[in-house]
Amino acid sequence: MHAYDKDRFNNRLNTAALAKQAMLERFRARPAADDPTVLERQAARKSIAIARDARIAARAAEAVRLAAEQAARAAEQAARDAEAAAREAEEAARALVLEAEHQDRAAALEAEKKARALALAAEQKAARDARYAARKARHR
């Protein structure tokens, strides 16, 4: 091994040892768990988490409220639709009754017209028979 190669290896070992030493010093320099700044940061994080949970709960409550309103609107719309369908059915039934009455009236008028025609035919026949009988009586 050349001296140059050995020197590079020693440099790498020294650099790694210095990095480990720096990490150890940073770890030791870290504030303790009962340090006021650490406690302050923990309290801030806790308040942020509580506020986040409150916002999530508020959003969930709003979603439930909106779903309930939507369900109520859907129920009202269904009731209106059912009422409209009932009204339409009632109007259709009335129309059928009126049509049946009209057909009954038309049938009654038709029957009355036939009866009048039969009565007129009977009167005409009676008048014709009377004329025939009178003519026969005159010839005798």
N, C-alpha and C. Protein backbone atom coordinates (compact mmCIF):
# COMPACT_ATOMS: atom_id res chain seq x y z
N MET A 1 0.85 -1.16 0.00
CA MET A 1 0.00 0.00 0.00
C MET A 1 0.90 1.23 0.00
N HIS A 2 0.51 2.18 -0.80
CA HIS A 2 1.29 3.40 -0.90
C HIS A 2 0.93 4.32 0.26
N ALA A 3 1.77 5.21 0.57
CA ALA A 3 1.55 6.17 1.66
C ALA A 3 0.35 7.06 1.34
N TYR A 4 0.19 7.34 0.05
CA TYR A 4 -0.93 8.18 -0.37
C TYR A 4 -2.26 7.50 -0.08
N ASP A 5 -2.36 6.21 -0.39
CA ASP A 5 -3.59 5.44 -0.15
C ASP A 5 -3.87 5.34 1.33
N LYS A 6 -2.80 5.13 2.15
CA LYS A 6 -2.95 5.01 3.59
C LYS A 6 -3.46 6.32 4.18
N ASP A 7 -2.95 7.42 3.63
CA ASP A 7 -3.36 8.73 4.12
C ASP A 7 -4.86 8.95 3.85
N ARG A 8 -5.33 8.53 2.71
CA ARG A 8 -6.76 8.69 2.41
C ARG A 8 -7.61 7.87 3.37
N PHE A 9 -7.18 6.66 3.69
CA PHE A 9 -7.93 5.80 4.61
C PHE A 9 -7.99 6.43 6.00
N ASN A 10 -6.86 6.99 6.47
CA ASN A 10 -6.82 7.64 7.77
C ASN A 10 -7.74 8.88 7.78
N ASN A 11 -7.77 9.58 6.69
CA ASN A 11 -8.67 10.76 6.60
C ASN A 11 -10.12 10.34 6.74
N ARG A 12 -10.48 9.26 6.12
CA ARG A 12 -11.86 8.77 6.20
C ARG A 12 -12.19 8.34 7.62
N LEU A 13 -11.25 7.66 8.29
CA LEU A 13 -11.48 7.25 9.67
C LEU A 13 -11.64 8.46 10.58
N ASN A 14 -10.81 9.45 10.40
CA ASN A 14 -10.90 10.66 11.22
C ASN A 14 -12.22 11.40 10.97
N THR A 15 -12.64 11.48 9.73
CA THR A 15 -13.89 12.16 9.39
C THR A 15 -15.08 11.43 10.01
N ALA A 16 -15.07 10.12 9.97
CA ALA A 16 -16.16 9.35 10.56
C ALA A 16 -16.17 9.53 12.07
N ALA A 17 -14.99 9.52 12.71
CA ALA A 17 -14.93 9.70 14.16
C ALA A 17 -15.41 11.09 14.55
N LEU A 18 -15.07 12.11 13.78
CA LEU A 18 -15.52 13.47 14.05
C LEU A 18 -17.04 13.58 13.89
N ALA A 19 -17.59 12.92 12.91
CA ALA A 19 -19.04 12.95 12.69
C ALA A 19 -19.76 12.29 13.86
N LYS A 20 -19.22 11.17 14.33
CA LYS A 20 -19.83 10.50 15.48
C LYS A 20 -19.74 11.38 16.72
N GLN A 21 -18.63 12.02 16.92
CA GLN A 21 -18.45 12.90 18.06
C GLN A 21 -19.43 14.07 18.00
N ALA A 22 -19.63 14.64 16.79
CA ALA A 22 -20.56 15.76 16.63
C ALA A 22 -22.00 15.32 16.93
N MET A 23 -22.35 14.13 16.49
CA MET A 23 -23.70 13.62 16.78
C MET A 23 -23.89 13.42 18.28
N LEU A 24 -22.90 12.91 18.95
CA LEU A 24 -22.99 12.70 20.39
C LEU A 24 -23.12 14.03 21.13
N GLU A 25 -22.36 15.04 20.70
CA GLU A 25 -22.45 16.35 21.32
C GLU A 25 -23.83 16.98 21.10
N ARG A 26 -24.37 16.83 19.89
CA ARG A 26 -25.73 17.36 19.61
C ARG A 26 -26.75 16.67 20.50
N PHE A 27 -26.61 15.37 20.68
CA PHE A 27 -27.55 14.63 21.52
C PHE A 27 -27.45 15.10 22.97
N ARG A 28 -26.24 15.31 23.48
CA ARG A 28 -26.05 15.76 24.86
C ARG A 28 -26.51 17.19 25.04
N ALA A 29 -26.43 18.01 23.99
CA ALA A 29 -26.81 19.42 24.09
C ALA A 29 -28.32 19.60 24.02
N ARG A 30 -29.00 18.54 23.70
CA ARG A 30 -30.47 18.59 23.60
C ARG A 30 -31.06 18.96 24.95
N PRO A 31 -32.16 19.79 24.98
CA PRO A 31 -32.74 20.16 26.26
C PRO A 31 -33.42 18.96 26.91
N ALA A 32 -33.51 18.98 28.22
CA ALA A 32 -34.11 17.89 28.98
C ALA A 32 -35.63 17.93 28.83
N ALA A 33 -36.30 16.85 29.26
CA ALA A 33 -37.75 16.75 29.11
C ALA A 33 -38.49 17.75 29.98
N ASP A 34 -37.88 18.21 31.06
CA ASP A 34 -38.55 19.16 31.94
C ASP A 34 -38.14 20.60 31.67
N ASP A 35 -37.45 20.83 30.56
CA ASP A 35 -37.05 22.17 30.17
C ASP A 35 -38.29 22.99 29.79
N PRO A 36 -38.38 24.25 30.17
CA PRO A 36 -39.58 25.05 29.87
C PRO A 36 -39.86 25.19 28.37
N THR A 37 -38.85 25.30 27.55
CA THR A 37 -39.10 25.41 26.11
C THR A 37 -39.69 24.12 25.56
N VAL A 38 -39.20 22.97 26.05
CA VAL A 38 -39.74 21.68 25.61
C VAL A 38 -41.19 21.56 26.06
N LEU A 39 -41.44 21.92 27.31
CA LEU A 39 -42.82 21.85 27.82
C LEU A 39 -43.74 22.79 27.05
N GLU A 40 -43.20 23.97 26.70
CA GLU A 40 -44.00 24.94 25.92
C GLU A 40 -44.34 24.38 24.54
N ARG A 41 -43.35 23.76 23.88
CA ARG A 41 -43.61 23.15 22.56
C ARG A 41 -44.61 22.01 22.65
N GLN A 42 -44.51 21.19 23.69
CA GLN A 42 -45.47 20.10 23.87
C GLN A 42 -46.87 20.64 24.08
N ALA A 43 -46.99 21.70 24.89
CA ALA A 43 -48.31 22.30 25.11
C ALA A 43 -48.87 22.88 23.82
N ALA A 44 -48.02 23.51 23.02
CA ALA A 44 -48.46 24.07 21.74
C ALA A 44 -48.94 22.96 20.81
N ARG A 45 -48.18 21.87 20.75
CA ARG A 45 -48.59 20.74 19.89
C ARG A 45 -49.91 20.14 20.37
N LYS A 46 -50.05 20.04 21.70
CA LYS A 46 -51.29 19.48 22.26
C LYS A 46 -52.48 20.37 21.94
N SER A 47 -52.30 21.70 22.06
CA SER A 47 -53.41 22.62 21.74
C SER A 47 -53.75 22.57 20.26
N ILE A 48 -52.73 22.42 19.40
CA ILE A 48 -52.98 22.30 17.96
C ILE A 48 -53.76 21.01 17.68
N ALA A 49 -53.39 19.92 18.33
CA ALA A 49 -54.08 18.64 18.13
C ALA A 49 -55.53 18.73 18.61
N ILE A 50 -55.74 19.41 19.76
CA ILE A 50 -57.12 19.56 20.27
C ILE A 50 -57.95 20.40 19.31
N ALA A 51 -57.35 21.49 18.79
CA ALA A 51 -58.08 22.34 17.84
C ALA A 51 -58.40 21.57 16.57
N ARG A 52 -57.44 20.74 16.10
CA ARG A 52 -57.68 19.94 14.89
C ARG A 52 -58.82 18.95 15.13
N ASP A 53 -58.82 18.29 16.28
CA ASP A 53 -59.90 17.35 16.61
C ASP A 53 -61.24 18.06 16.69
N ALA A 54 -61.23 19.29 17.25
CA ALA A 54 -62.48 20.06 17.32
C ALA A 54 -62.98 20.41 15.93
N ARG A 55 -62.06 20.80 15.03
CA ARG A 55 -62.48 21.12 13.64
C ARG A 55 -63.03 19.89 12.94
N ILE A 56 -62.38 18.75 13.16
CA ILE A 56 -62.85 17.50 12.54
C ILE A 56 -64.24 17.15 13.06
N ALA A 57 -64.45 17.31 14.38
CA ALA A 57 -65.76 17.01 14.97
C ALA A 57 -66.81 17.98 14.44
N ALA A 58 -66.43 19.26 14.29
CA ALA A 58 -67.38 20.25 13.76
C ALA A 58 -67.76 19.91 12.32
N ARG A 59 -66.76 19.50 11.52
CA ARG A 59 -67.06 19.12 10.13
C ARG A 59 -67.98 17.91 10.08
N ALA A 60 -67.73 16.94 10.96
CA ALA A 60 -68.58 15.74 11.00
C ALA A 60 -70.00 16.12 11.41
N ALA A 61 -70.13 17.01 12.41
CA ALA A 61 -71.46 17.44 12.84
C ALA A 61 -72.17 18.19 11.73
N GLU A 62 -71.44 19.02 10.99
CA GLU A 62 -72.03 19.76 9.86
C GLU A 62 -72.48 18.78 8.78
N ALA A 63 -71.66 17.76 8.51
CA ALA A 63 -72.04 16.76 7.51
C ALA A 63 -73.30 16.02 7.94
N VAL A 64 -73.39 15.69 9.22
CA VAL A 64 -74.60 15.01 9.72
C VAL A 64 -75.81 15.92 9.60
N ARG A 65 -75.63 17.22 9.93
CA ARG A 65 -76.74 18.18 9.84
C ARG A 65 -77.20 18.32 8.38
N LEU A 66 -76.22 18.44 7.47
CA LEU A 66 -76.58 18.56 6.05
C LEU A 66 -77.29 17.31 5.55
N ALA A 67 -76.82 16.14 5.98
CA ALA A 67 -77.47 14.89 5.57
C ALA A 67 -78.89 14.83 6.11
N ALA A 68 -79.09 15.29 7.35
CA ALA A 68 -80.43 15.28 7.93
C ALA A 68 -81.34 16.24 7.18
N GLU A 69 -80.82 17.43 6.84
CA GLU A 69 -81.62 18.39 6.07
C GLU A 69 -81.97 17.82 4.71
N GLN A 70 -80.99 17.19 4.08
CA GLN A 70 -81.24 16.61 2.76
C GLN A 70 -82.28 15.50 2.85
N ALA A 71 -82.20 14.68 3.88
CA ALA A 71 -83.19 13.62 4.06
C ALA A 71 -84.57 14.21 4.31
N ALA A 72 -84.63 15.30 5.10
CA ALA A 72 -85.92 15.95 5.37
C ALA A 72 -86.49 16.53 4.07
N ARG A 73 -85.63 17.17 3.27
CA ARG A 73 -86.11 17.71 1.99
C ARG A 73 -86.60 16.60 1.08
N ALA A 74 -85.88 15.48 1.06
CA ALA A 74 -86.29 14.35 0.23
C ALA A 74 -87.63 13.78 0.71
N ALA A 75 -87.81 13.71 2.03
CA ALA A 75 -89.08 13.21 2.56
C ALA A 75 -90.22 14.17 2.22
N GLU A 76 -89.98 15.48 2.34
CA GLU A 76 -91.01 16.46 1.98
C GLU A 76 -91.36 16.36 0.50
N GLN A 77 -90.33 16.21 -0.33
CA GLN A 77 -90.57 16.10 -1.77
C GLN A 77 -91.37 14.82 -2.08
N ALA A 78 -91.03 13.73 -1.39
CA ALA A 78 -91.77 12.48 -1.60
C ALA A 78 -93.22 12.64 -1.17
N ALA A 79 -93.44 13.36 -0.05
CA ALA A 79 -94.81 13.59 0.41
C ALA A 79 -95.58 14.44 -0.60
N ARG A 80 -94.90 15.49 -1.13
CA ARG A 80 -95.56 16.32 -2.15
C ARG A 80 -95.87 15.51 -3.40
N ASP A 81 -94.93 14.66 -3.81
CA ASP A 81 -95.15 13.83 -4.99
C ASP A 81 -96.31 12.86 -4.76
N ALA A 82 -96.36 12.27 -3.57
CA ALA A 82 -97.45 11.34 -3.26
C ALA A 82 -98.78 12.07 -3.24
N GLU A 83 -98.79 13.29 -2.68
CA GLU A 83 -100.02 14.08 -2.64
C GLU A 83 -100.47 14.45 -4.05
N ALA A 84 -99.51 14.83 -4.89
CA ALA A 84 -99.83 15.18 -6.27
C ALA A 84 -100.37 13.95 -7.02
N ALA A 85 -99.76 12.79 -6.78
CA ALA A 85 -100.23 11.57 -7.43
C ALA A 85 -101.64 11.23 -6.96
N ALA A 86 -101.91 11.43 -5.66
CA ALA A 86 -103.26 11.17 -5.14
C ALA A 86 -104.27 12.13 -5.77
N ARG A 87 -103.87 13.41 -5.90
CA ARG A 87 -104.78 14.38 -6.54
C ARG A 87 -105.04 14.00 -7.99
N GLU A 88 -103.99 13.60 -8.69
CA GLU A 88 -104.16 13.21 -10.10
C GLU A 88 -105.07 11.99 -10.21
N ALA A 89 -104.90 11.03 -9.31
CA ALA A 89 -105.76 9.84 -9.33
C ALA A 89 -107.20 10.22 -9.04
N GLU A 90 -107.38 11.14 -8.08
CA GLU A 90 -108.73 11.58 -7.74
C GLU A 90 -109.37 12.31 -8.93
N GLU A 91 -108.58 13.18 -9.59
CA GLU A 91 -109.10 13.89 -10.76
C GLU A 91 -109.44 12.91 -11.89
N ALA A 92 -108.60 11.89 -12.07
CA ALA A 92 -108.87 10.90 -13.11
C ALA A 92 -110.15 10.14 -12.78
N ALA A 93 -110.34 9.81 -11.50
CA ALA A 93 -111.57 9.12 -11.09
C ALA A 93 -112.79 10.00 -11.34
N ARG A 94 -112.66 11.30 -10.99
CA ARG A 94 -113.77 12.22 -11.24
C ARG A 94 -114.07 12.31 -12.73
N ALA A 95 -113.02 12.37 -13.53
CA ALA A 95 -113.21 12.45 -14.97
C ALA A 95 -113.92 11.20 -15.48
N LEU A 96 -113.52 10.04 -14.95
CA LEU A 96 -114.19 8.80 -15.36
C LEU A 96 -115.66 8.80 -14.94
N VAL A 97 -115.93 9.30 -13.73
CA VAL A 97 -117.32 9.36 -13.26
C VAL A 97 -118.12 10.31 -14.16
N LEU A 98 -117.54 11.49 -14.45
CA LEU A 98 -118.24 12.44 -15.32
C LEU A 98 -118.46 11.85 -16.71
N GLU A 99 -117.45 11.16 -17.20
CA GLU A 99 -117.59 10.54 -18.53
C GLU A 99 -118.68 9.47 -18.49
N ALA A 100 -118.70 8.68 -17.41
CA ALA A 100 -119.74 7.65 -17.29
C ALA A 100 -121.12 8.30 -17.20
N GLU A 101 -121.21 9.40 -16.41
CA GLU A 101 -122.49 10.11 -16.32
C GLU A 101 -122.89 10.67 -17.68
N HIS A 102 -121.91 11.21 -18.38
CA HIS A 102 -122.17 11.76 -19.71
C HIS A 102 -122.63 10.65 -20.64
N GLN A 103 -121.95 9.50 -20.57
CA GLN A 103 -122.35 8.38 -21.41
C GLN A 103 -123.73 7.90 -21.01
N ASP A 104 -124.00 7.88 -19.68
CA ASP A 104 -125.34 7.50 -19.23
C ASP A 104 -126.37 8.49 -19.75
N ARG A 105 -126.03 9.79 -19.66
CA ARG A 105 -126.96 10.80 -20.19
C ARG A 105 -127.13 10.62 -21.68
N ALA A 106 -126.01 10.36 -22.36
CA ALA A 106 -126.09 10.17 -23.81
C ALA A 106 -126.92 8.93 -24.11
N ALA A 107 -126.72 7.87 -23.33
CA ALA A 107 -127.50 6.65 -23.53
C ALA A 107 -128.98 6.93 -23.22
N ALA A 108 -129.23 7.71 -22.15
CA ALA A 108 -130.62 8.04 -21.81
C ALA A 108 -131.25 8.88 -22.91
N LEU A 109 -130.47 9.86 -23.42
CA LEU A 109 -130.99 10.69 -24.52
C LEU A 109 -131.25 9.85 -25.76
N GLU A 110 -130.33 8.93 -26.02
CA GLU A 110 -130.51 8.04 -27.18
C GLU A 110 -131.76 7.17 -27.00
N ALA A 111 -131.94 6.63 -25.79
CA ALA A 111 -133.11 5.80 -25.52
C ALA A 111 -134.38 6.64 -25.64
N GLU A 112 -134.33 7.87 -25.11
CA GLU A 112 -135.49 8.77 -25.20
C GLU A 112 -135.80 9.10 -26.66
N LYS A 113 -134.75 9.31 -27.44
CA LYS A 113 -134.93 9.62 -28.86
C LYS A 113 -135.57 8.42 -29.58
N LYS A 114 -135.06 7.19 -29.23
CA LYS A 114 -135.66 5.99 -29.84
C LYS A 114 -137.12 5.84 -29.42
N ALA A 115 -137.39 6.11 -28.14
CA ALA A 115 -138.78 6.00 -27.65
C ALA A 115 -139.67 6.99 -28.38
N ARG A 116 -139.18 8.25 -28.54
CA ARG A 116 -139.98 9.25 -29.28
C ARG A 116 -140.21 8.82 -30.72
N ALA A 117 -139.14 8.23 -31.33
CA ALA A 117 -139.27 7.78 -32.71
C ALA A 117 -140.30 6.65 -32.80
N LEU A 118 -140.24 5.70 -31.82
CA LEU A 118 -141.22 4.62 -31.81
C LEU A 118 -142.64 5.15 -31.57
N ALA A 119 -142.77 6.13 -30.66
CA ALA A 119 -144.09 6.71 -30.38
C ALA A 119 -144.61 7.43 -31.62
N LEU A 120 -143.72 8.18 -32.30
CA LEU A 120 -144.13 8.87 -33.52
C LEU A 120 -144.55 7.88 -34.59
N ALA A 121 -143.76 6.79 -34.70
CA ALA A 121 -144.12 5.76 -35.68
C ALA A 121 -145.47 5.14 -35.33
N ALA A 122 -145.71 4.91 -34.05
CA ALA A 122 -146.99 4.33 -33.62
C ALA A 122 -148.13 5.29 -33.91
N GLU A 123 -147.91 6.62 -33.64
CA GLU A 123 -148.95 7.61 -33.94
C GLU A 123 -149.23 7.67 -35.43
N GLN A 124 -148.16 7.66 -36.21
CA GLN A 124 -148.33 7.72 -37.67
C GLN A 124 -149.07 6.49 -38.17
N LYS A 125 -148.74 5.33 -37.60
CA LYS A 125 -149.44 4.10 -38.02
C LYS A 125 -150.91 4.15 -37.61
N ALA A 126 -151.14 4.67 -36.39
CA ALA A 126 -152.53 4.77 -35.94
C ALA A 126 -153.30 5.73 -36.86
N ALA A 127 -152.67 6.85 -37.23
CA ALA A 127 -153.33 7.81 -38.13
C ALA A 127 -153.56 7.17 -39.50
N ARG A 128 -152.59 6.45 -39.99
CA ARG A 128 -152.75 5.78 -41.28
C ARG A 128 -153.85 4.74 -41.22
N ASP A 129 -153.86 3.95 -40.13
CA ASP A 129 -154.90 2.94 -39.97
C ASP A 129 -156.29 3.59 -39.89
N ALA A 130 -156.36 4.73 -39.22
CA ALA A 130 -157.65 5.44 -39.11
C ALA A 130 -158.09 5.92 -40.49
N ARG A 131 -157.16 6.47 -41.27
CA ARG A 131 -157.51 6.92 -42.63
C ARG A 131 -157.96 5.74 -43.48
N TYR A 132 -157.27 4.63 -43.36
CA TYR A 132 -157.62 3.42 -44.10
C TYR A 132 -159.02 2.92 -43.72
N ALA A 133 -159.27 2.90 -42.41
CA ALA A 133 -160.59 2.45 -41.94
C ALA A 133 -161.68 3.41 -42.41
N ALA A 134 -161.40 4.72 -42.42
CA ALA A 134 -162.39 5.71 -42.87
C ALA A 134 -162.65 5.54 -44.36
N ARG A 135 -161.64 5.32 -45.14
CA ARG A 135 -161.81 5.11 -46.56
C ARG A 135 -162.63 3.87 -46.84
N LYS A 136 -162.35 2.79 -46.09
CA LYS A 136 -163.13 1.57 -46.26
C LYS A 136 -164.59 1.80 -45.87
N ALA A 137 -164.79 2.61 -44.81
CA ALA A 137 -166.15 2.87 -44.35
C ALA A 137 -166.89 3.69 -45.41
N ARG A 138 -166.21 4.60 -46.09
CA ARG A 138 -166.85 5.40 -47.12
C ARG A 138 -167.23 4.54 -48.33
N HIS A 139 -166.47 3.56 -48.65
CA HIS A 139 -166.75 2.73 -49.79
C HIS A 139 -167.88 1.75 -49.52
N ARG A 140 -168.17 1.49 -48.35
CA ARG A 140 -169.21 0.52 -48.03
C ARG A 140 -170.52 1.16 -47.96
